[in-house]
Amino acid sequence: MGDVLLATVGAGRGSWGHIARLINERQWERVILIGTEWVKQNFKVDKEVEWLLVASRSGFEGLKTAILERIPDNANIFVSIASGTGREHAALLAALKEKQKDYKIVLLTKNGITEI
């Protein structure tokens, strides 16, 4: 059972450095990023990531279902909502709750990666 990072990535580039550092500063078994096609084309990191592409106007239920299908069963789940929209954050958290998955929120602080 490995560590999997699920992160929302929004169009606002100000939060991209935070997400990139989370990806690069830890060994993840998988990284699943939730964002639009535009974000995928413009957000670059040195490690391999998987994308769950969402339409900018996709509805909550469709987004939640798409996320639900990608949540691994046998993994330690870590979540970053430092980027992205409230709708994406809500869909991610609702999918985790529906699947009854425990998770930790990860973020960067002055002391490095912090898990909550």
Protein backbone atom coordinates (compact mmCIF):
# COMPACT_ATOMS: atom_id res chain seq x y z
CA MET A 1 0.00 0.00 0.00
CA GLY A 2 1.73 3.14 -1.24
CA ASP A 3 1.19 6.84 -0.81
CA VAL A 4 -1.01 8.56 -3.37
CA LEU A 5 -1.33 12.33 -3.73
CA LEU A 6 -4.67 13.67 -4.98
CA ALA A 7 -4.41 17.39 -5.73
CA THR A 8 -6.61 19.96 -7.37
CA VAL A 9 -4.74 22.38 -9.64
CA GLY A 10 -6.46 25.61 -10.62
CA ALA A 11 -5.85 28.13 -13.37
CA GLY A 12 -4.29 30.60 -10.93
CA ARG A 13 -0.57 30.12 -11.36
CA GLY A 14 0.18 31.56 -7.91
CA SER A 15 -0.48 28.18 -6.27
CA TRP A 16 1.38 26.05 -8.81
CA GLY A 17 4.73 26.28 -7.01
CA HIS A 18 3.11 24.87 -3.88
CA ILE A 19 1.73 21.86 -5.78
CA ALA A 20 4.98 21.31 -7.69
CA ARG A 21 6.98 21.24 -4.46
CA LEU A 22 4.54 18.76 -2.87
CA ILE A 23 5.01 16.50 -5.89
CA ASN A 24 8.79 16.83 -6.07
CA GLU A 25 9.74 16.76 -2.39
CA ARG A 26 8.26 13.37 -1.58
CA GLN A 27 8.25 9.91 -3.13
CA TRP A 28 4.67 9.21 -4.16
CA GLU A 29 3.54 5.92 -5.63
CA ARG A 30 1.06 7.90 -7.73
CA VAL A 31 0.15 11.52 -8.22
CA ILE A 32 -3.34 12.28 -9.52
CA LEU A 33 -3.97 15.89 -10.47
CA ILE A 34 -7.46 17.28 -11.01
CA GLY A 35 -7.62 20.19 -13.44
CA THR A 36 -8.65 21.49 -16.84
CA GLU A 37 -7.00 20.74 -20.18
CA TRP A 38 -5.47 24.23 -20.11
CA VAL A 39 -3.90 23.57 -16.71
CA LYS A 40 -2.51 20.23 -17.95
CA GLN A 41 -0.88 21.93 -20.93
CA ASN A 42 0.70 24.68 -18.84
CA PHE A 43 1.54 23.10 -15.45
CA LYS A 44 4.83 21.22 -15.69
CA VAL A 45 6.61 19.06 -13.13
CA ASP A 46 9.60 16.75 -13.41
CA LYS A 47 7.77 13.65 -12.20
CA GLU A 48 5.16 11.53 -13.92
CA VAL A 49 1.61 12.44 -12.96
CA GLU A 50 -1.86 11.26 -13.93
CA TRP A 51 -4.49 13.79 -14.90
CA LEU A 52 -8.19 13.74 -14.20
CA LEU A 53 -9.38 16.36 -16.66
CA VAL A 54 -12.46 18.38 -15.83
CA ALA A 55 -14.41 20.85 -17.91
CA SER A 56 -14.42 24.31 -16.40
CA ARG A 57 -18.21 24.19 -16.24
CA SER A 58 -18.72 20.55 -15.31
CA GLY A 59 -21.34 19.92 -12.65
CA PHE A 60 -20.61 18.81 -9.12
CA GLU A 61 -22.11 15.30 -9.42
CA GLY A 62 -20.23 14.48 -12.62
CA LEU A 63 -16.98 15.73 -11.14
CA LYS A 64 -17.53 13.78 -7.91
CA THR A 65 -18.25 10.59 -9.89
CA ALA A 66 -15.12 11.03 -12.03
CA ILE A 67 -12.98 11.50 -8.93
CA LEU A 68 -14.66 8.57 -7.15
CA GLU A 69 -13.66 6.25 -10.00
CA ARG A 70 -9.99 7.27 -9.71
CA ILE A 71 -9.54 6.92 -5.94
CA PRO A 72 -7.33 3.87 -5.35
CA ASP A 73 -8.66 1.23 -2.98
CA ASN A 74 -5.39 0.08 -1.42
CA ALA A 75 -3.40 3.23 -0.82
CA ASN A 76 -2.63 5.86 1.77
CA ILE A 77 -4.42 8.93 0.45
CA PHE A 78 -2.97 12.42 0.80
CA VAL A 79 -4.95 15.45 -0.40
CA SER A 80 -3.93 18.94 -1.41
CA ILE A 81 -6.55 21.61 -1.94
CA ALA A 82 -4.09 24.52 -1.97
CA SER A 83 -5.04 25.15 -5.59
CA GLY A 84 -8.21 24.73 -7.63
CA THR A 85 -11.79 25.81 -7.12
CA GLY A 86 -14.21 25.28 -4.27
CA ARG A 87 -16.34 23.05 -6.52
CA GLU A 88 -13.35 20.80 -7.20
CA HIS A 89 -12.42 20.75 -3.50
CA ALA A 90 -15.98 19.85 -2.49
CA ALA A 91 -16.23 17.10 -5.14
CA LEU A 92 -12.90 15.59 -4.02
CA LEU A 93 -13.85 15.58 -0.34
CA ALA A 94 -17.35 14.25 -1.10
CA ALA A 95 -15.89 11.43 -3.21
CA LEU A 96 -13.50 10.45 -0.41
CA LYS A 97 -16.36 10.47 2.08
CA GLU A 98 -18.62 8.42 -0.20
CA LYS A 99 -15.86 5.86 -0.69
CA GLN A 100 -15.22 5.93 3.08
CA LYS A 101 -11.51 6.57 2.56
CA ASP A 102 -9.32 7.93 5.31
CA TYR A 103 -6.98 10.66 4.12
CA LYS A 104 -4.55 13.26 5.32
CA ILE A 105 -4.34 16.81 4.06
CA VAL A 106 -0.83 17.81 3.04
CA LEU A 107 0.57 21.30 2.71
CA LEU A 108 3.86 23.09 2.69
CA THR A 109 4.95 25.13 5.67
CA LYS A 110 8.24 26.76 6.58
CA ASN A 111 9.18 23.38 8.10
CA GLY A 112 8.50 21.41 4.91
CA ILE A 113 5.59 19.10 4.13
CA THR A 114 3.03 18.95 6.92
CA GLU A 115 0.32 16.29 7.23
CA ILE A 116 -2.95 17.00 9.00
